[in-house]
PDB file of N, CA and C in Angstrom:
ATOM      1  N   MET A   1      86.844 108.892 123.113  1.00  0.00           N
ATOM      2  CA  MET A   1      87.435 108.459 121.867  1.00  0.00           C
ATOM      3  C   MET A   1      87.513 109.648 120.916  1.00  0.00           C
ATOM      4  N   ASN A   2      88.544 109.674 120.139  1.00  0.00           N
ATOM      5  CA  ASN A   2      88.733 110.669 119.095  1.00  0.00           C
ATOM      6  C   ASN A   2      87.549 110.563 118.120  1.00  0.00           C
ATOM      7  N   THR A   3      86.846 111.680 117.859  1.00  0.00           N
ATOM      8  CA  THR A   3      85.648 111.619 117.021  1.00  0.00           C
ATOM      9  C   THR A   3      85.971 111.236 115.582  1.00  0.00           C
ATOM     10  N   VAL A   4      87.114 111.649 115.093  1.00  0.00           N
ATOM     11  CA  VAL A   4      87.510 111.249 113.741  1.00  0.00           C
ATOM     12  C   VAL A   4      87.769 109.744 113.708  1.00  0.00           C
ATOM     13  N   ALA A   5      88.420 109.224 114.748  1.00  0.00           N
ATOM     14  CA  ALA A   5      88.683 107.789 114.831  1.00  0.00           C
ATOM     15  C   ALA A   5      87.364 107.012 114.896  1.00  0.00           C
ATOM     16  N   HIS A   6      86.400 107.531 115.643  1.00  0.00           N
ATOM     17  CA  HIS A   6      85.087 106.896 115.736  1.00  0.00           C
ATOM     18  C   HIS A   6      84.441 106.818 114.352  1.00  0.00           C
ATOM     19  N   THR A   7      84.470 107.912 113.626  1.00  0.00           N
ATOM     20  CA  THR A   7      83.889 107.953 112.285  1.00  0.00           C
ATOM     21  C   THR A   7      84.586 106.974 111.355  1.00  0.00           C
ATOM     22  N   ILE A   8      85.898 106.908 111.446  1.00  0.00           N
ATOM     23  CA  ILE A   8      86.667 105.986 110.610  1.00  0.00           C
ATOM     24  C   ILE A   8      86.298 104.545 110.918  1.00  0.00           C
ATOM     25  N   ILE A   9      86.199 104.202 112.198  1.00  0.00           N
ATOM     26  CA  ILE A   9      85.841 102.831 112.585  1.00  0.00           C
ATOM     27  C   ILE A   9      84.458 102.477 112.058  1.00  0.00           C
ATOM     28  N   MET A  10      83.505 103.359 112.241  1.00  0.00           N
ATOM     29  CA  MET A  10      82.140 103.067 111.816  1.00  0.00           C
ATOM     30  C   MET A  10      82.057 102.929 110.296  1.00  0.00           C
ATOM     31  N   ARG A  11      82.737 103.785 109.575  1.00  0.00           N
ATOM     32  CA  ARG A  11      82.711 103.712 108.115  1.00  0.00           C
ATOM     33  C   ARG A  11      83.420 102.448 107.621  1.00  0.00           C
ATOM     34  N   ALA A  12      84.563 102.134 108.210  1.00  0.00           N
ATOM     35  CA  ALA A  12      85.320 100.948 107.790  1.00  0.00           C
ATOM     36  C   ALA A  12      84.576  99.669 108.136  1.00  0.00           C
ATOM     37  N   ALA A  13      83.872  99.657 109.253  1.00  0.00           N
ATOM     38  CA  ALA A  13      83.104  98.473 109.634  1.00  0.00           C
ATOM     39  C   ALA A  13      81.961  98.238 108.646  1.00  0.00           C
ATOM     40  N   THR A  14      81.427  99.309 108.090  1.00  0.00           N
ATOM     41  CA  THR A  14      80.342  99.193 107.123  1.00  0.00           C
ATOM     42  C   THR A  14      80.844  98.701 105.776  1.00  0.00           C
ATOM     43  N   THR A  15      81.969  99.249 105.327  1.00  0.00           N
ATOM     44  CA  THR A  15      82.475  98.900 103.997  1.00  0.00           C
ATOM     45  C   THR A  15      83.298  97.622 103.996  1.00  0.00           C
ATOM     46  N   GLY A  16      84.005  97.347 105.087  1.00  0.00           N
ATOM     47  CA  GLY A  16      84.848  96.168 105.172  1.00  0.00           C
ATOM     48  C   GLY A  16      86.136  96.276 104.373  1.00  0.00           C
ATOM     49  N   ARG A  17      86.475  97.473 103.945  1.00  0.00           N
ATOM     50  CA  ARG A  17      87.691  97.685 103.150  1.00  0.00           C
ATOM     51  C   ARG A  17      88.797  98.257 104.010  1.00  0.00           C
ATOM     52  N   PRO A  18      90.054  98.128 103.576  1.00  0.00           N
ATOM     53  CA  PRO A  18      91.165  98.755 104.310  1.00  0.00           C
ATOM     54  C   PRO A  18      90.972 100.267 104.375  1.00  0.00           C
ATOM     55  N   ILE A  19      91.536 100.871 105.397  1.00  0.00           N
ATOM     56  CA  ILE A  19      91.354 102.305 105.596  1.00  0.00           C
ATOM     57  C   ILE A  19      92.691 103.031 105.520  1.00  0.00           C
ATOM     58  N   ALA A  20      92.605 104.260 105.074  1.00  0.00           N
ATOM     59  CA  ALA A  20      93.753 105.155 105.064  1.00  0.00           C
ATOM     60  C   ALA A  20      93.233 106.522 105.468  1.00  0.00           C
ATOM     61  N   THR A  21      93.956 107.219 106.307  1.00  0.00           N
ATOM     62  CA  THR A  21      93.523 108.534 106.740  1.00  0.00           C
ATOM     63  C   THR A  21      94.709 109.480 106.766  1.00  0.00           C
ATOM     64  N   LEU A  22      94.420 110.732 106.515  1.00  0.00           N
ATOM     65  CA  LEU A  22      95.462 111.753 106.581  1.00  0.00           C
ATOM     66  C   LEU A  22      95.524 112.380 107.968  1.00  0.00           C
ATOM     67  N   ASP A  23      94.531 112.099 108.805  1.00  0.00           N
ATOM     68  CA  ASP A  23      94.489 112.659 110.154  1.00  0.00           C
ATOM     69  C   ASP A  23      95.478 111.903 111.043  1.00  0.00           C
ATOM     70  N   ALA A  24      96.582 112.546 111.346  1.00  0.00           N
ATOM     71  CA  ALA A  24      97.655 111.898 112.117  1.00  0.00           C
ATOM     72  C   ALA A  24      97.196 111.517 113.523  1.00  0.00           C
ATOM     73  N   ASP A  25      96.401 112.374 114.157  1.00  0.00           N
ATOM     74  CA  ASP A  25      95.920 112.072 115.510  1.00  0.00           C
ATOM     75  C   ASP A  25      95.021 110.839 115.509  1.00  0.00           C
ATOM     76  N   ALA A  26      94.133 110.754 114.547  1.00  0.00           N
ATOM     77  CA  ALA A  26      93.239 109.601 114.465  1.00  0.00           C
ATOM     78  C   ALA A  26      94.028 108.331 114.181  1.00  0.00           C
ATOM     79  N   LYS A  27      94.989 108.422 113.272  1.00  0.00           N
ATOM     80  CA  LYS A  27      95.822 107.259 112.932  1.00  0.00           C
ATOM     81  C   LYS A  27      96.583 106.779 114.165  1.00  0.00           C
ATOM     82  N   THR A  28      97.178 107.706 114.890  1.00  0.00           N
ATOM     83  CA  THR A  28      97.917 107.359 116.107  1.00  0.00           C
ATOM     84  C   THR A  28      96.993 106.734 117.135  1.00  0.00           C
ATOM     85  N   TYR A  29      95.802 107.306 117.313  1.00  0.00           N
ATOM     86  CA  TYR A  29      94.841 106.781 118.274  1.00  0.00           C
ATOM     87  C   TYR A  29      94.438 105.355 117.915  1.00  0.00           C
ATOM     88  N   LEU A  30      94.115 105.130 116.637  1.00  0.00           N
ATOM     89  CA  LEU A  30      93.676 103.801 116.207  1.00  0.00           C
ATOM     90  C   LEU A  30      94.756 102.749 116.409  1.00  0.00           C
ATOM     91  N   ILE A  31      95.974 103.069 116.048  1.00  0.00           N
ATOM     92  CA  ILE A  31      97.079 102.114 116.174  1.00  0.00           C
ATOM     93  C   ILE A  31      97.448 101.896 117.636  1.00  0.00           C
ATOM     94  N   ASN A  32      97.619 102.967 118.396  1.00  0.00           N
ATOM     95  CA  ASN A  32      98.072 102.855 119.788  1.00  0.00           C
ATOM     96  C   ASN A  32      97.057 102.185 120.700  1.00  0.00           C
ATOM     97  N   ASN A  33      95.777 102.309 120.387  1.00  0.00           N
ATOM     98  CA  ASN A  33      94.745 101.721 121.241  1.00  0.00           C
ATOM     99  C   ASN A  33      94.225 100.386 120.722  1.00  0.00           C
ATOM    100  N   GLY A  34      94.866  99.861 119.700  1.00  0.00           N
ATOM    101  CA  GLY A  34      94.543  98.518 119.244  1.00  0.00           C
ATOM    102  C   GLY A  34      93.298  98.402 118.388  1.00  0.00           C
ATOM    103  N   TYR A  35      92.819  99.505 117.828  1.00  0.00           N
ATOM    104  CA  TYR A  35      91.634  99.445 116.985  1.00  0.00           C
ATOM    105  C   TYR A  35      91.976  99.155 115.531  1.00  0.00           C
ATOM    106  N   ALA A  36      93.222  99.381 115.131  1.00  0.00           N
ATOM    107  CA  ALA A  36      93.633  99.125 113.746  1.00  0.00           C
ATOM    108  C   ALA A  36      95.073  98.627 113.733  1.00  0.00           C
ATOM    109  N   ALA A  37      95.402  97.950 112.661  1.00  0.00           N
ATOM    110  CA  ALA A  37      96.769  97.469 112.456  1.00  0.00           C
ATOM    111  C   ALA A  37      97.116  97.724 110.991  1.00  0.00           C
ATOM    112  N   TYR A  38      98.388  97.952 110.742  1.00  0.00           N
ATOM    113  CA  TYR A  38      98.805  98.178 109.364  1.00  0.00           C
ATOM    114  C   TYR A  38      98.754  96.875 108.589  1.00  0.00           C
ATOM    115  N   SER A  39      98.174  96.927 107.403  1.00  0.00           N
ATOM    116  CA  SER A  39      98.227  95.780 106.499  1.00  0.00           C
ATOM    117  C   SER A  39      99.366  96.005 105.520  1.00  0.00           C
ATOM    118  N   GLN A  40      99.362  97.140 104.886  1.00  0.00           N
ATOM    119  CA  GLN A  40     100.459  97.624 104.052  1.00  0.00           C
ATOM    120  C   GLN A  40     100.448  99.125 104.245  1.00  0.00           C
ATOM    121  N   LYS A  41     101.505  99.671 104.811  1.00  0.00           N
ATOM    122  CA  LYS A  41     101.499 101.106 105.043  1.00  0.00           C
ATOM    123  C   LYS A  41     101.180 101.823 103.760  1.00  0.00           C
ATOM    124  N   PRO A  42     100.335 102.791 103.714  1.00  0.00           N
ATOM    125  CA  PRO A  42      99.592 103.462 104.771  1.00  0.00           C
ATOM    126  C   PRO A  42      98.227 102.853 105.062  1.00  0.00           C
ATOM    127  N   LEU A  43      97.900 101.696 104.470  1.00  0.00           N
ATOM    128  CA  LEU A  43      96.588 101.094 104.684  1.00  0.00           C
ATOM    129  C   LEU A  43      96.517 100.367 106.021  1.00  0.00           C
ATOM    130  N   MET A  44      95.378 100.520 106.673  1.00  0.00           N
ATOM    131  CA  MET A  44      95.150  99.865 107.956  1.00  0.00           C
ATOM    132  C   MET A  44      93.899  99.015 107.846  1.00  0.00           C
ATOM    133  N   VAL A  45      93.818  97.993 108.649  1.00  0.00           N
ATOM    134  CA  VAL A  45      92.620  97.168 108.751  1.00  0.00           C
ATOM    135  C   VAL A  45      92.146  97.208 110.200  1.00  0.00           C
ATOM    136  N   LEU A  46      90.848  97.041 110.370  1.00  0.00           N
ATOM    137  CA  LEU A  46      90.289  97.034 111.717  1.00  0.00           C
ATOM    138  C   LEU A  46      90.655  95.743 112.429  1.00  0.00           C
ATOM    139  N   THR A  47      90.878  95.847 113.716  1.00  0.00           N
ATOM    140  CA  THR A  47      91.127  94.670 114.532  1.00  0.00           C
ATOM    141  C   THR A  47      89.798  94.160 115.085  1.00  0.00           C
ATOM    142  N   LYS A  48      89.841  93.024 115.738  1.00  0.00           N
ATOM    143  CA  LYS A  48      88.638  92.459 116.365  1.00  0.00           C
ATOM    144  C   LYS A  48      88.049  93.443 117.378  1.00  0.00           C
ATOM    145  N   LYS A  49      88.917  94.151 118.091  1.00  0.00           N
ATOM    146  CA  LYS A  49      88.471  95.134 119.074  1.00  0.00           C
ATOM    147  C   LYS A  49      87.618  96.222 118.412  1.00  0.00           C
ATOM    148  N   ALA A  50      88.038  96.700 117.250  1.00  0.00           N
ATOM    149  CA  ALA A  50      87.292  97.740 116.543  1.00  0.00           C
ATOM    150  C   ALA A  50      85.975  97.199 116.002  1.00  0.00           C
ATOM    151  N   GLU A  51      85.989  95.964 115.519  1.00  0.00           N
ATOM    152  CA  GLU A  51      84.758  95.368 115.012  1.00  0.00           C
ATOM    153  C   GLU A  51      83.734  95.204 116.130  1.00  0.00           C
ATOM    154  N   GLU A  52      84.186  94.798 117.307  1.00  0.00           N
ATOM    155  CA  GLU A  52      83.287  94.674 118.451  1.00  0.00           C
ATOM    156  C   GLU A  52      82.753  96.036 118.870  1.00  0.00           C
ATOM    157  N   TYR A  53      83.614  97.050 118.845  1.00  0.00           N
ATOM    158  CA  TYR A  53      83.195  98.414 119.169  1.00  0.00           C
ATOM    159  C   TYR A  53      82.112  98.874 118.189  1.00  0.00           C
ATOM    160  N   ALA A  54      82.313  98.625 116.908  1.00  0.00           N
ATOM    161  CA  ALA A  54      81.346  99.044 115.899  1.00  0.00           C
ATOM    162  C   ALA A  54      79.997  98.353 116.114  1.00  0.00           C
ATOM    163  N   GLU A  55      80.021  97.073 116.456  1.00  0.00           N
ATOM    164  CA  GLU A  55      78.774  96.350 116.719  1.00  0.00           C
ATOM    165  C   GLU A  55      78.035  96.936 117.920  1.00  0.00           C
ATOM    166  N   ARG A  56      78.768  97.249 118.987  1.00  0.00           N
ATOM    167  CA  ARG A  56      78.144  97.864 120.163  1.00  0.00           C
ATOM    168  C   ARG A  56      77.533  99.215 119.818  1.00  0.00           C
ATOM    169  N   GLU A  57      78.252 100.022 119.039  1.00  0.00           N
ATOM    170  CA  GLU A  57      77.754 101.335 118.645  1.00  0.00           C
ATOM    171  C   GLU A  57      76.510 101.217 117.779  1.00  0.00           C
ATOM    172  N   LYS A  58      76.507 100.269 116.846  1.00  0.00           N
ATOM    173  CA  LYS A  58      75.340 100.072 115.996  1.00  0.00           C
ATOM    174  C   LYS A  58      74.131  99.671 116.833  1.00  0.00           C
ATOM    175  N   ALA A  59      74.333  98.779 117.778  1.00  0.00           N
ATOM    176  CA  ALA A  59      73.242  98.342 118.649  1.00  0.00           C
ATOM    177  C   ALA A  59      72.733  99.501 119.498  1.00  0.00           C
ATOM    178  N   TRP A  60      73.638 100.296 120.027  1.00  0.00           N
ATOM    179  CA  TRP A  60      73.244 101.441 120.845  1.00  0.00           C
ATOM    180  C   TRP A  60      72.472 102.453 120.005  1.00  0.00           C
ATOM    181  N   ASN A  61      72.948 102.724 118.790  1.00  0.00           N
ATOM    182  CA  ASN A  61      72.248 103.661 117.905  1.00  0.00           C
ATOM    183  C   ASN A  61      70.860 103.167 117.542  1.00  0.00           C
ATOM    184  N   ALA A  62      70.719 101.869 117.304  1.00  0.00           N
ATOM    185  CA  ALA A  62      69.407 101.299 116.994  1.00  0.00           C
ATOM    186  C   ALA A  62      68.470 101.427 118.184  1.00  0.00           C
ATOM    187  N   GLN A  63      68.997 101.199 119.381  1.00  0.00           N
ATOM    188  CA  GLN A  63      68.181 101.327 120.588  1.00  0.00           C
ATOM    189  C   GLN A  63      67.721 102.765 120.772  1.00  0.00           C
ATOM    190  N   GLN A  64      68.615 103.713 120.553  1.00  0.00           N
ATOM    191  CA  GLN A  64      68.253 105.124 120.680  1.00  0.00           C
ATOM    192  C   GLN A  64      67.199 105.516 119.649  1.00  0.00           C
ATOM    193  N   GLN A  65      67.322 104.984 118.452  1.00  0.00           N
ATOM    194  CA  GLN A  65      66.340 105.271 117.402  1.00  0.00           C
ATOM    195  C   GLN A  65      64.968 104.739 117.789  1.00  0.00           C
ATOM    196  N   ARG A  66      64.922 103.529 118.369  1.00  0.00           N
ATOM    197  CA  ARG A  66      63.642 102.965 118.805  1.00  0.00           C
ATOM    198  C   ARG A  66      63.037 103.812 119.902  1.00  0.00           C
ATOM    199  N   ARG A  67      63.859 104.318 120.818  1.00  0.00           N
ATOM    200  CA  ARG A  67      63.339 105.161 121.895  1.00  0.00           C
ATOM    201  C   ARG A  67      62.757 106.457 121.348  1.00  0.00           C
ATOM    202  N   ARG A  68      63.378 107.020 120.323  1.00  0.00           N
ATOM    203  CA  ARG A  68      62.893 108.280 119.744  1.00  0.00           C
ATOM    204  C   ARG A  68      61.592 108.113 118.994  1.00  0.00           C
ATOM    205  N   THR A  69      61.341 106.928 118.463  1.00  0.00           N
ATOM    206  CA  THR A  69      60.128 106.721 117.668  1.00  0.00           C
ATOM    207  C   THR A  69      58.932 106.321 118.513  1.00  0.00           C
ATOM    208  N   ARG A  70      59.090 106.124 119.764  1.00  0.00           N
ATOM    209  CA  ARG A  70      57.966 105.750 120.634  1.00  0.00           C
ATOM    210  C   ARG A  70      57.112 106.933 120.934  1.00  0.00           C
TER     211      ARG A  70
END
């Protein structure tokens, strides 16, 4: 996954607000792979796919944090 797109998904999942980015590659990646949809150009909203991805990432990060603290 595009690292900028990953950062955008994680930040947008936390805030719950529409997203706008100047990074053309990230924008293309998010739209073409179904992680975001335009609400009003240039604003995008996360799709269910992106929300599920963010939840998986949060769970994985929490698990890694628990492993590091043992």
